[in-house]
Amino acid sequence: MTRRRTLLMALAALVAAVALITAACGGDDEPDTDQGQHVGQALTADPGATVDRPGTPDPDAGRSGTGTAAAGDGQRPVVVEIPAAAQGLKFAKEEVSAATGTLTLRMPNPSDVPHNIAVDEPEKAEGEVVQKGGVSEITVDFPPGEYEYYCSVPGHREAGMTGTLTVE
C-alpha cells in the first residue's frame, strides 16, 4: 500500500508541475504578439547562426546553410545574421534569402581570425573588421536580386569567404 501511495503522490506532483509550467508559459492559443527588438530564429546546426525578424517564425529554421528573413515592420531593418565560420576563411552560411527592403547583415565572429562583412551592390558597404567575439554589421536597402556578400580582409574573399544573398 505504501508503494501505491508513493506512486500516486508522484503522479499528483507531476500533474501539478505540468499545470504550473503551462500556466507560466501562457498556455493559451493566442498568437504571440511580442514585438521585441529582435527575435532570433535558428537557421542551421550552428547555434550562432540566426536571422532576426519581428516576431514571425522562420519556415527555413533548421536547414543547414540557408535562411530566410521576412520584410521588416517599416520601422527598423530586418537583421540577417551570417556568422563567420569558427575555422577557416568562410561564412557559416553560404546562402541566405530575405524580403526586399532595408536589411542589416550581421556577422558575429567566433574565429581567431579577424573578419568583416561587405557587399559591392546595390551599394558598396563594408562593416568593421572584428576580432573573435566581435560583430561586423552593414545596413543597406536591397531591391530584388542576388547579391554577393564577402569578407573584405585582404585575401579572404579570394580564398572563398563569400556567400549569396537572394532578395525577393
N, C-alpha and C. Protein backbone atom coordinates (compact mmCIF):
# COMPACT_ATOMS: atom_id res chain seq x y z
N MET A 1 0.81 -1.19 0.00
CA MET A 1 0.00 0.00 0.00
C MET A 1 0.86 1.26 0.00
N THR A 2 2.01 1.24 0.65
CA THR A 2 2.88 2.40 0.72
C THR A 2 3.46 2.73 -0.66
N ARG A 3 3.79 1.70 -1.42
CA ARG A 3 4.33 1.92 -2.76
C ARG A 3 3.28 2.58 -3.65
N ARG A 4 2.06 2.12 -3.56
CA ARG A 4 0.97 2.69 -4.36
C ARG A 4 0.75 4.16 -3.97
N ARG A 5 0.79 4.43 -2.70
CA ARG A 5 0.61 5.80 -2.22
C ARG A 5 1.74 6.70 -2.72
N THR A 6 2.96 6.20 -2.72
CA THR A 6 4.12 6.95 -3.21
C THR A 6 3.96 7.26 -4.69
N LEU A 7 3.51 6.27 -5.46
CA LEU A 7 3.30 6.47 -6.90
C LEU A 7 2.19 7.50 -7.14
N LEU A 8 1.11 7.43 -6.40
CA LEU A 8 0.03 8.40 -6.56
C LEU A 8 0.49 9.82 -6.21
N MET A 9 1.31 9.93 -5.18
CA MET A 9 1.82 11.25 -4.80
C MET A 9 2.77 11.80 -5.88
N ALA A 10 3.59 10.91 -6.45
CA ALA A 10 4.49 11.32 -7.52
C ALA A 10 3.70 11.76 -8.75
N LEU A 11 2.63 11.01 -9.08
CA LEU A 11 1.79 11.36 -10.22
C LEU A 11 1.11 12.71 -9.98
N ALA A 12 0.61 12.94 -8.79
CA ALA A 12 -0.04 14.21 -8.46
C ALA A 12 0.96 15.36 -8.58
N ALA A 13 2.19 15.15 -8.12
CA ALA A 13 3.22 16.18 -8.21
C ALA A 13 3.55 16.47 -9.67
N LEU A 14 3.60 15.45 -10.51
CA LEU A 14 3.88 15.62 -11.93
C LEU A 14 2.78 16.41 -12.61
N VAL A 15 1.52 16.07 -12.32
CA VAL A 15 0.38 16.80 -12.90
C VAL A 15 0.42 18.26 -12.46
N ALA A 16 0.72 18.50 -11.20
CA ALA A 16 0.79 19.87 -10.70
C ALA A 16 1.92 20.64 -11.38
N ALA A 17 3.06 19.99 -11.59
CA ALA A 17 4.20 20.65 -12.24
C ALA A 17 3.85 21.01 -13.68
N VAL A 18 3.20 20.10 -14.40
CA VAL A 18 2.80 20.37 -15.79
C VAL A 18 1.82 21.54 -15.83
N ALA A 19 0.85 21.55 -14.91
CA ALA A 19 -0.12 22.65 -14.85
C ALA A 19 0.57 23.97 -14.57
N LEU A 20 1.54 23.97 -13.68
CA LEU A 20 2.27 25.18 -13.33
C LEU A 20 3.08 25.68 -14.53
N ILE A 21 3.76 24.79 -15.22
CA ILE A 21 4.55 25.16 -16.39
C ILE A 21 3.65 25.72 -17.48
N THR A 22 2.51 25.07 -17.72
CA THR A 22 1.58 25.53 -18.74
C THR A 22 1.07 26.93 -18.40
N ALA A 23 0.74 27.17 -17.16
CA ALA A 23 0.26 28.48 -16.75
C ALA A 23 1.35 29.53 -16.88
N ALA A 24 2.58 29.18 -16.54
CA ALA A 24 3.69 30.13 -16.61
C ALA A 24 4.04 30.48 -18.04
N CYS A 25 3.84 29.56 -18.97
CA CYS A 25 4.19 29.78 -20.36
C CYS A 25 3.05 30.40 -21.15
N GLY A 26 1.98 30.70 -20.53
CA GLY A 26 0.87 31.32 -21.24
C GLY A 26 -0.21 30.32 -21.52
N GLY A 27 0.14 29.14 -21.95
CA GLY A 27 -0.77 28.04 -22.16
C GLY A 27 -2.00 28.36 -22.97
N ASP A 28 -2.10 29.54 -23.58
CA ASP A 28 -3.30 29.87 -24.34
C ASP A 28 -3.04 29.67 -25.82
N ASP A 29 -4.08 29.80 -26.60
CA ASP A 29 -3.94 29.64 -28.04
C ASP A 29 -3.80 30.99 -28.74
N GLU A 30 -3.61 32.05 -27.98
CA GLU A 30 -3.45 33.37 -28.57
C GLU A 30 -2.09 33.45 -29.25
N PRO A 31 -2.01 34.11 -30.42
CA PRO A 31 -0.71 34.27 -31.07
C PRO A 31 0.20 35.17 -30.25
N ASP A 32 1.48 34.91 -30.33
CA ASP A 32 2.46 35.71 -29.63
C ASP A 32 2.60 37.04 -30.35
N THR A 33 2.27 38.12 -29.67
CA THR A 33 2.34 39.43 -30.29
C THR A 33 3.51 40.25 -29.78
N ASP A 34 4.44 39.61 -29.09
CA ASP A 34 5.61 40.32 -28.58
C ASP A 34 6.45 40.78 -29.75
N GLN A 35 6.60 42.07 -29.89
CA GLN A 35 7.40 42.63 -30.97
C GLN A 35 8.68 43.21 -30.40
N GLY A 36 9.47 42.38 -29.73
CA GLY A 36 10.71 42.82 -29.10
C GLY A 36 11.69 43.36 -30.12
N GLN A 37 12.83 43.86 -29.65
CA GLN A 37 13.83 44.46 -30.53
C GLN A 37 14.19 43.52 -31.67
N HIS A 38 14.53 42.27 -31.37
CA HIS A 38 14.84 41.27 -32.38
C HIS A 38 14.48 39.92 -31.82
N VAL A 39 13.86 39.08 -32.63
CA VAL A 39 13.54 37.72 -32.24
C VAL A 39 14.31 36.81 -33.17
N GLY A 40 15.30 36.08 -32.66
CA GLY A 40 16.15 35.25 -33.50
C GLY A 40 15.54 33.89 -33.75
N GLN A 41 15.74 33.37 -34.94
CA GLN A 41 15.29 32.04 -35.31
C GLN A 41 16.51 31.26 -35.79
N ALA A 42 16.73 30.07 -35.22
CA ALA A 42 17.88 29.26 -35.62
C ALA A 42 17.73 28.83 -37.06
N LEU A 43 18.82 28.89 -37.82
CA LEU A 43 18.76 28.54 -39.23
C LEU A 43 19.59 27.31 -39.56
N THR A 44 20.62 27.06 -38.81
CA THR A 44 21.50 25.95 -39.14
C THR A 44 21.85 25.20 -37.88
N ALA A 45 22.63 24.13 -38.07
CA ALA A 45 23.10 23.37 -36.92
C ALA A 45 24.04 24.20 -36.06
N ASP A 46 24.59 25.28 -36.63
CA ASP A 46 25.46 26.18 -35.88
C ASP A 46 24.59 27.04 -34.98
N PRO A 47 24.69 26.90 -33.65
CA PRO A 47 23.81 27.64 -32.76
C PRO A 47 23.97 29.15 -32.85
N GLY A 48 25.05 29.64 -33.42
CA GLY A 48 25.24 31.08 -33.55
C GLY A 48 24.63 31.66 -34.80
N ALA A 49 24.07 30.84 -35.68
CA ALA A 49 23.55 31.33 -36.95
C ALA A 49 22.06 31.60 -36.84
N THR A 50 21.67 32.87 -36.95
CA THR A 50 20.26 33.21 -36.85
C THR A 50 19.88 34.31 -37.81
N VAL A 51 18.60 34.39 -38.05
CA VAL A 51 18.02 35.52 -38.75
C VAL A 51 17.07 36.15 -37.77
N ASP A 52 17.18 37.44 -37.55
CA ASP A 52 16.28 38.14 -36.64
C ASP A 52 15.20 38.82 -37.43
N ARG A 53 13.99 38.75 -36.92
CA ARG A 53 12.86 39.39 -37.55
C ARG A 53 11.80 39.68 -36.51
N PRO A 54 10.88 40.57 -36.83
CA PRO A 54 9.88 40.96 -35.85
C PRO A 54 8.83 39.88 -35.60
N GLY A 55 9.11 38.94 -34.75
CA GLY A 55 8.12 38.01 -34.20
C GLY A 55 7.52 36.97 -35.11
N THR A 56 8.04 36.72 -36.31
CA THR A 56 7.46 35.71 -37.18
C THR A 56 8.37 34.51 -37.26
N PRO A 57 7.81 33.29 -37.25
CA PRO A 57 8.67 32.10 -37.32
C PRO A 57 9.31 31.97 -38.69
N ASP A 58 10.45 31.33 -38.73
CA ASP A 58 11.20 31.14 -39.96
C ASP A 58 10.88 29.78 -40.54
N PRO A 59 10.28 29.72 -41.76
CA PRO A 59 9.94 28.44 -42.36
C PRO A 59 11.17 27.61 -42.70
N ASP A 60 12.34 28.23 -42.81
CA ASP A 60 13.56 27.50 -43.14
C ASP A 60 14.36 27.14 -41.91
N ALA A 61 13.81 27.36 -40.72
CA ALA A 61 14.56 27.09 -39.49
C ALA A 61 15.04 25.65 -39.48
N GLY A 62 16.30 25.45 -39.15
CA GLY A 62 16.86 24.12 -39.06
C GLY A 62 17.55 23.64 -40.32
N ARG A 63 17.37 24.33 -41.43
CA ARG A 63 18.05 23.92 -42.66
C ARG A 63 19.49 24.39 -42.62
N SER A 64 20.38 23.52 -42.94
CA SER A 64 21.79 23.85 -42.88
C SER A 64 22.18 24.76 -44.04
N GLY A 65 22.84 25.87 -43.72
CA GLY A 65 23.44 26.71 -44.74
C GLY A 65 22.52 27.73 -45.37
N THR A 66 21.23 27.76 -45.06
CA THR A 66 20.37 28.75 -45.66
C THR A 66 19.49 29.38 -44.62
N GLY A 67 18.90 30.50 -44.96
CA GLY A 67 17.96 31.15 -44.07
C GLY A 67 17.10 32.11 -44.83
N THR A 68 15.98 32.50 -44.26
CA THR A 68 15.07 33.43 -44.89
C THR A 68 14.66 34.48 -43.89
N ALA A 69 14.66 35.72 -44.30
CA ALA A 69 14.21 36.80 -43.43
C ALA A 69 12.97 37.43 -44.04
N ALA A 70 12.00 37.76 -43.20
CA ALA A 70 10.77 38.40 -43.66
C ALA A 70 10.97 39.91 -43.72
N ALA A 71 10.06 40.57 -44.41
CA ALA A 71 10.12 42.03 -44.50
C ALA A 71 9.97 42.64 -43.13
N GLY A 72 10.60 43.78 -42.92
CA GLY A 72 10.54 44.46 -41.64
C GLY A 72 9.19 45.12 -41.42
N ASP A 73 9.01 45.69 -40.25
CA ASP A 73 7.75 46.33 -39.90
C ASP A 73 7.71 47.79 -40.34
N GLY A 74 8.68 48.21 -41.14
CA GLY A 74 8.72 49.55 -41.63
C GLY A 74 9.42 50.52 -40.69
N GLN A 75 9.73 50.11 -39.49
CA GLN A 75 10.36 51.00 -38.52
C GLN A 75 11.82 50.66 -38.29
N ARG A 76 12.24 49.48 -38.59
CA ARG A 76 13.62 49.09 -38.38
C ARG A 76 13.99 48.03 -39.41
N PRO A 77 15.27 47.94 -39.75
CA PRO A 77 15.67 46.95 -40.74
C PRO A 77 15.55 45.53 -40.19
N VAL A 78 15.35 44.60 -41.09
CA VAL A 78 15.40 43.18 -40.74
C VAL A 78 16.88 42.83 -40.58
N VAL A 79 17.20 42.06 -39.56
CA VAL A 79 18.58 41.66 -39.31
C VAL A 79 18.77 40.24 -39.84
N VAL A 80 19.73 40.09 -40.74
CA VAL A 80 20.08 38.79 -41.29
C VAL A 80 21.44 38.43 -40.72
N GLU A 81 21.46 37.39 -39.89
CA GLU A 81 22.71 37.02 -39.22
C GLU A 81 23.45 35.99 -40.06
N ILE A 82 24.70 36.32 -40.39
CA ILE A 82 25.56 35.48 -41.22
C ILE A 82 26.90 35.35 -40.51
N PRO A 83 27.03 34.40 -39.59
CA PRO A 83 28.28 34.29 -38.83
C PRO A 83 29.46 33.83 -39.69
N ALA A 84 30.63 34.25 -39.31
CA ALA A 84 31.84 33.67 -39.88
C ALA A 84 31.94 32.24 -39.34
N ALA A 85 32.56 31.37 -40.09
CA ALA A 85 32.78 30.00 -39.60
C ALA A 85 33.79 30.06 -38.45
N ALA A 86 33.69 29.11 -37.55
CA ALA A 86 34.60 29.06 -36.40
C ALA A 86 36.04 28.82 -36.84
N GLN A 87 36.21 28.13 -37.99
CA GLN A 87 37.55 27.86 -38.51
C GLN A 87 37.55 28.08 -40.01
N GLY A 88 38.68 28.48 -40.53
CA GLY A 88 38.82 28.65 -41.97
C GLY A 88 38.33 29.99 -42.45
N LEU A 89 38.54 30.24 -43.73
CA LEU A 89 38.12 31.50 -44.35
C LEU A 89 36.81 31.28 -45.08
N LYS A 90 35.72 31.24 -44.31
CA LYS A 90 34.40 31.05 -44.90
C LYS A 90 33.33 31.53 -43.91
N PHE A 91 32.12 31.68 -44.44
CA PHE A 91 30.98 32.01 -43.61
C PHE A 91 30.29 30.71 -43.20
N ALA A 92 29.60 30.72 -42.07
CA ALA A 92 28.86 29.54 -41.62
C ALA A 92 27.70 29.25 -42.57
N LYS A 93 27.19 30.28 -43.25
CA LYS A 93 26.12 30.11 -44.24
C LYS A 93 26.57 30.73 -45.55
N GLU A 94 26.46 29.96 -46.62
CA GLU A 94 26.87 30.47 -47.93
C GLU A 94 25.70 30.98 -48.74
N GLU A 95 24.46 30.73 -48.27
CA GLU A 95 23.27 31.21 -48.97
C GLU A 95 22.24 31.64 -47.94
N VAL A 96 21.70 32.85 -48.12
CA VAL A 96 20.60 33.33 -47.31
C VAL A 96 19.63 34.07 -48.21
N SER A 97 18.38 34.21 -47.77
CA SER A 97 17.41 34.98 -48.55
C SER A 97 16.62 35.87 -47.61
N ALA A 98 16.06 36.94 -48.18
CA ALA A 98 15.29 37.90 -47.39
C ALA A 98 14.32 38.62 -48.31
N ALA A 99 13.34 39.25 -47.71
CA ALA A 99 12.40 40.08 -48.46
C ALA A 99 13.08 41.40 -48.80
N THR A 100 12.66 41.99 -49.89
CA THR A 100 13.21 43.27 -50.32
C THR A 100 13.01 44.34 -49.24
N GLY A 101 13.96 45.24 -49.15
CA GLY A 101 13.86 46.32 -48.18
C GLY A 101 15.20 46.57 -47.50
N THR A 102 15.15 47.32 -46.42
CA THR A 102 16.37 47.64 -45.68
C THR A 102 16.75 46.47 -44.79
N LEU A 103 17.95 45.96 -45.01
CA LEU A 103 18.46 44.80 -44.28
C LEU A 103 19.75 45.16 -43.56
N THR A 104 19.92 44.63 -42.38
CA THR A 104 21.21 44.70 -41.69
C THR A 104 21.83 43.31 -41.77
N LEU A 105 22.97 43.22 -42.44
CA LEU A 105 23.72 41.97 -42.48
C LEU A 105 24.65 42.00 -41.27
N ARG A 106 24.50 41.02 -40.39
CA ARG A 106 25.21 40.98 -39.11
C ARG A 106 26.11 39.75 -39.08
N MET A 107 27.41 39.96 -38.87
CA MET A 107 28.36 38.85 -38.88
C MET A 107 29.09 38.75 -37.55
N PRO A 108 28.61 37.86 -36.65
CA PRO A 108 29.39 37.57 -35.45
C PRO A 108 30.64 36.78 -35.84
N ASN A 109 31.73 37.04 -35.17
CA ASN A 109 32.99 36.35 -35.49
C ASN A 109 33.42 35.43 -34.35
N PRO A 110 33.20 34.10 -34.51
CA PRO A 110 33.66 33.15 -33.50
C PRO A 110 35.09 32.67 -33.74
N SER A 111 35.69 33.17 -34.81
CA SER A 111 37.01 32.70 -35.24
C SER A 111 38.14 33.49 -34.58
N ASP A 112 39.31 32.88 -34.51
CA ASP A 112 40.50 33.57 -34.03
C ASP A 112 41.07 34.52 -35.08
N VAL A 113 40.54 34.44 -36.31
CA VAL A 113 40.99 35.28 -37.42
C VAL A 113 40.06 36.48 -37.55
N PRO A 114 40.58 37.70 -37.74
CA PRO A 114 39.71 38.86 -37.91
C PRO A 114 38.93 38.78 -39.23
N HIS A 115 37.64 39.20 -39.19
CA HIS A 115 36.76 39.18 -40.37
C HIS A 115 35.83 40.37 -40.34
N ASN A 116 35.15 40.59 -41.47
CA ASN A 116 34.06 41.54 -41.55
C ASN A 116 33.06 41.06 -42.60
N ILE A 117 32.01 41.85 -42.81
CA ILE A 117 31.04 41.54 -43.86
C ILE A 117 30.94 42.76 -44.76
N ALA A 118 30.81 42.50 -46.08
CA ALA A 118 30.77 43.58 -47.05
C ALA A 118 29.94 43.17 -48.26
N VAL A 119 29.43 44.17 -48.98
CA VAL A 119 28.77 43.97 -50.27
C VAL A 119 29.24 45.08 -51.20
N ASP A 120 29.21 44.81 -52.50
CA ASP A 120 29.52 45.83 -53.50
C ASP A 120 28.25 46.40 -54.12
N GLU A 121 27.17 45.62 -54.11
CA GLU A 121 25.90 46.04 -54.70
C GLU A 121 24.78 45.75 -53.74
N PRO A 122 23.74 46.50 -53.74
CA PRO A 122 23.39 47.61 -54.63
C PRO A 122 24.20 48.87 -54.35
N GLU A 123 24.94 48.90 -53.25
CA GLU A 123 25.89 49.97 -52.95
C GLU A 123 27.04 49.34 -52.18
N LYS A 124 28.21 49.95 -52.29
CA LYS A 124 29.37 49.41 -51.57
C LYS A 124 29.21 49.71 -50.08
N ALA A 125 29.34 48.66 -49.27
CA ALA A 125 29.26 48.81 -47.82
C ALA A 125 30.19 47.79 -47.19
N GLU A 126 31.01 48.24 -46.24
CA GLU A 126 31.93 47.36 -45.52
C GLU A 126 31.76 47.56 -44.03
N GLY A 127 31.55 46.46 -43.33
CA GLY A 127 31.48 46.52 -41.88
C GLY A 127 32.87 46.59 -41.28
N GLU A 128 32.90 46.93 -40.02
CA GLU A 128 34.16 47.00 -39.28
C GLU A 128 34.79 45.61 -39.20
N VAL A 129 36.11 45.53 -39.37
CA VAL A 129 36.83 44.28 -39.18
C VAL A 129 36.89 44.01 -37.68
N VAL A 130 36.42 42.81 -37.28
CA VAL A 130 36.34 42.50 -35.86
C VAL A 130 37.12 41.23 -35.52
N GLN A 131 37.60 41.21 -34.29
CA GLN A 131 38.31 40.05 -33.77
C GLN A 131 37.30 39.03 -33.24
N LYS A 132 37.80 37.92 -32.71
CA LYS A 132 36.96 36.89 -32.12
C LYS A 132 36.02 37.50 -31.07
N GLY A 133 34.73 37.16 -31.18
CA GLY A 133 33.73 37.68 -30.26
C GLY A 133 33.09 38.98 -30.71
N GLY A 134 33.65 39.63 -31.73
CA GLY A 134 33.10 40.89 -32.23
C GLY A 134 32.00 40.65 -33.25
N VAL A 135 31.32 41.73 -33.62
CA VAL A 135 30.23 41.67 -34.60
C VAL A 135 30.43 42.77 -35.62
N SER A 136 30.44 42.40 -36.90
CA SER A 136 30.53 43.35 -38.00
C SER A 136 29.14 43.47 -38.62
N GLU A 137 28.70 44.71 -38.91
CA GLU A 137 27.36 44.92 -39.47
C GLU A 137 27.39 45.95 -40.58
N ILE A 138 26.48 45.76 -41.54
CA ILE A 138 26.20 46.77 -42.55
C ILE A 138 24.69 46.83 -42.72
N THR A 139 24.16 48.01 -43.05
CA THR A 139 22.74 48.17 -43.30
C THR A 139 22.59 48.80 -44.68
N VAL A 140 21.84 48.10 -45.55
CA VAL A 140 21.69 48.52 -46.94
C VAL A 140 20.25 48.30 -47.37
N ASP A 141 19.75 49.15 -48.26
CA ASP A 141 18.43 48.97 -48.86
C ASP A 141 18.60 48.08 -50.08
N PHE A 142 18.04 46.86 -50.03
CA PHE A 142 18.21 45.87 -51.09
C PHE A 142 16.95 45.75 -51.93
N PRO A 143 17.01 46.08 -53.23
CA PRO A 143 15.91 45.74 -54.13
C PRO A 143 16.00 44.25 -54.48
N PRO A 144 14.99 43.70 -55.15
CA PRO A 144 15.06 42.28 -55.52
C PRO A 144 16.31 41.99 -56.35
N GLY A 145 16.89 40.82 -56.13
CA GLY A 145 18.06 40.39 -56.89
C GLY A 145 18.93 39.47 -56.07
N GLU A 146 20.05 39.09 -56.66
CA GLU A 146 21.06 38.27 -55.97
C GLU A 146 22.30 39.12 -55.74
N TYR A 147 22.82 39.02 -54.54
CA TYR A 147 23.96 39.84 -54.15
C TYR A 147 25.01 38.97 -53.48
N GLU A 148 26.28 39.30 -53.76
CA GLU A 148 27.37 38.59 -53.10
C GLU A 148 27.75 39.35 -51.83
N TYR A 149 27.83 38.61 -50.71
CA TYR A 149 28.43 39.18 -49.51
C TYR A 149 29.78 38.51 -49.33
N TYR A 150 30.71 39.21 -48.70
CA TYR A 150 32.06 38.68 -48.59
C TYR A 150 32.79 39.33 -47.43
N CYS A 151 33.94 38.78 -47.11
CA CYS A 151 34.84 39.37 -46.12
C CYS A 151 35.87 40.17 -46.90
N SER A 152 36.02 41.47 -46.55
CA SER A 152 36.94 42.32 -47.31
C SER A 152 38.36 42.37 -46.74
N VAL A 153 38.64 41.55 -45.73
CA VAL A 153 40.01 41.47 -45.23
C VAL A 153 40.87 40.94 -46.39
N PRO A 154 42.01 41.56 -46.69
CA PRO A 154 42.81 41.15 -47.84
C PRO A 154 43.06 39.64 -47.88
N GLY A 155 42.72 39.04 -49.02
CA GLY A 155 42.93 37.62 -49.27
C GLY A 155 41.76 36.73 -48.88
N HIS A 156 40.86 37.19 -48.04
CA HIS A 156 39.76 36.33 -47.58
C HIS A 156 38.72 36.09 -48.68
N ARG A 157 38.32 37.13 -49.40
CA ARG A 157 37.36 36.96 -50.49
C ARG A 157 37.96 36.03 -51.56
N GLU A 158 39.21 36.26 -51.87
CA GLU A 158 39.89 35.45 -52.89
C GLU A 158 40.01 33.99 -52.46
N ALA A 159 40.06 33.75 -51.15
CA ALA A 159 40.15 32.39 -50.62
C ALA A 159 38.78 31.72 -50.55
N GLY A 160 37.72 32.46 -50.89
CA GLY A 160 36.40 31.85 -50.93
C GLY A 160 35.46 32.26 -49.82
N MET A 161 35.81 33.30 -49.06
CA MET A 161 34.93 33.75 -47.99
C MET A 161 33.87 34.67 -48.58
N THR A 162 32.90 34.02 -49.25
CA THR A 162 31.80 34.71 -49.93
C THR A 162 30.50 33.94 -49.71
N GLY A 163 29.41 34.58 -50.04
CA GLY A 163 28.10 33.93 -49.99
C GLY A 163 27.13 34.69 -50.86
N THR A 164 25.92 34.14 -51.02
CA THR A 164 24.90 34.74 -51.85
C THR A 164 23.67 35.10 -51.04
N LEU A 165 23.25 36.36 -51.16
CA LEU A 165 22.01 36.84 -50.56
C LEU A 165 21.00 36.99 -51.68
N THR A 166 19.87 36.27 -51.58
CA THR A 166 18.79 36.39 -52.55
C THR A 166 17.70 37.23 -51.92
N VAL A 167 17.35 38.32 -52.59
CA VAL A 167 16.31 39.24 -52.11
C VAL A 167 15.13 39.15 -53.06
N GLU A 168 13.96 38.86 -52.49
CA GLU A 168 12.74 38.70 -53.31
C GLU A 168 11.67 39.64 -52.85
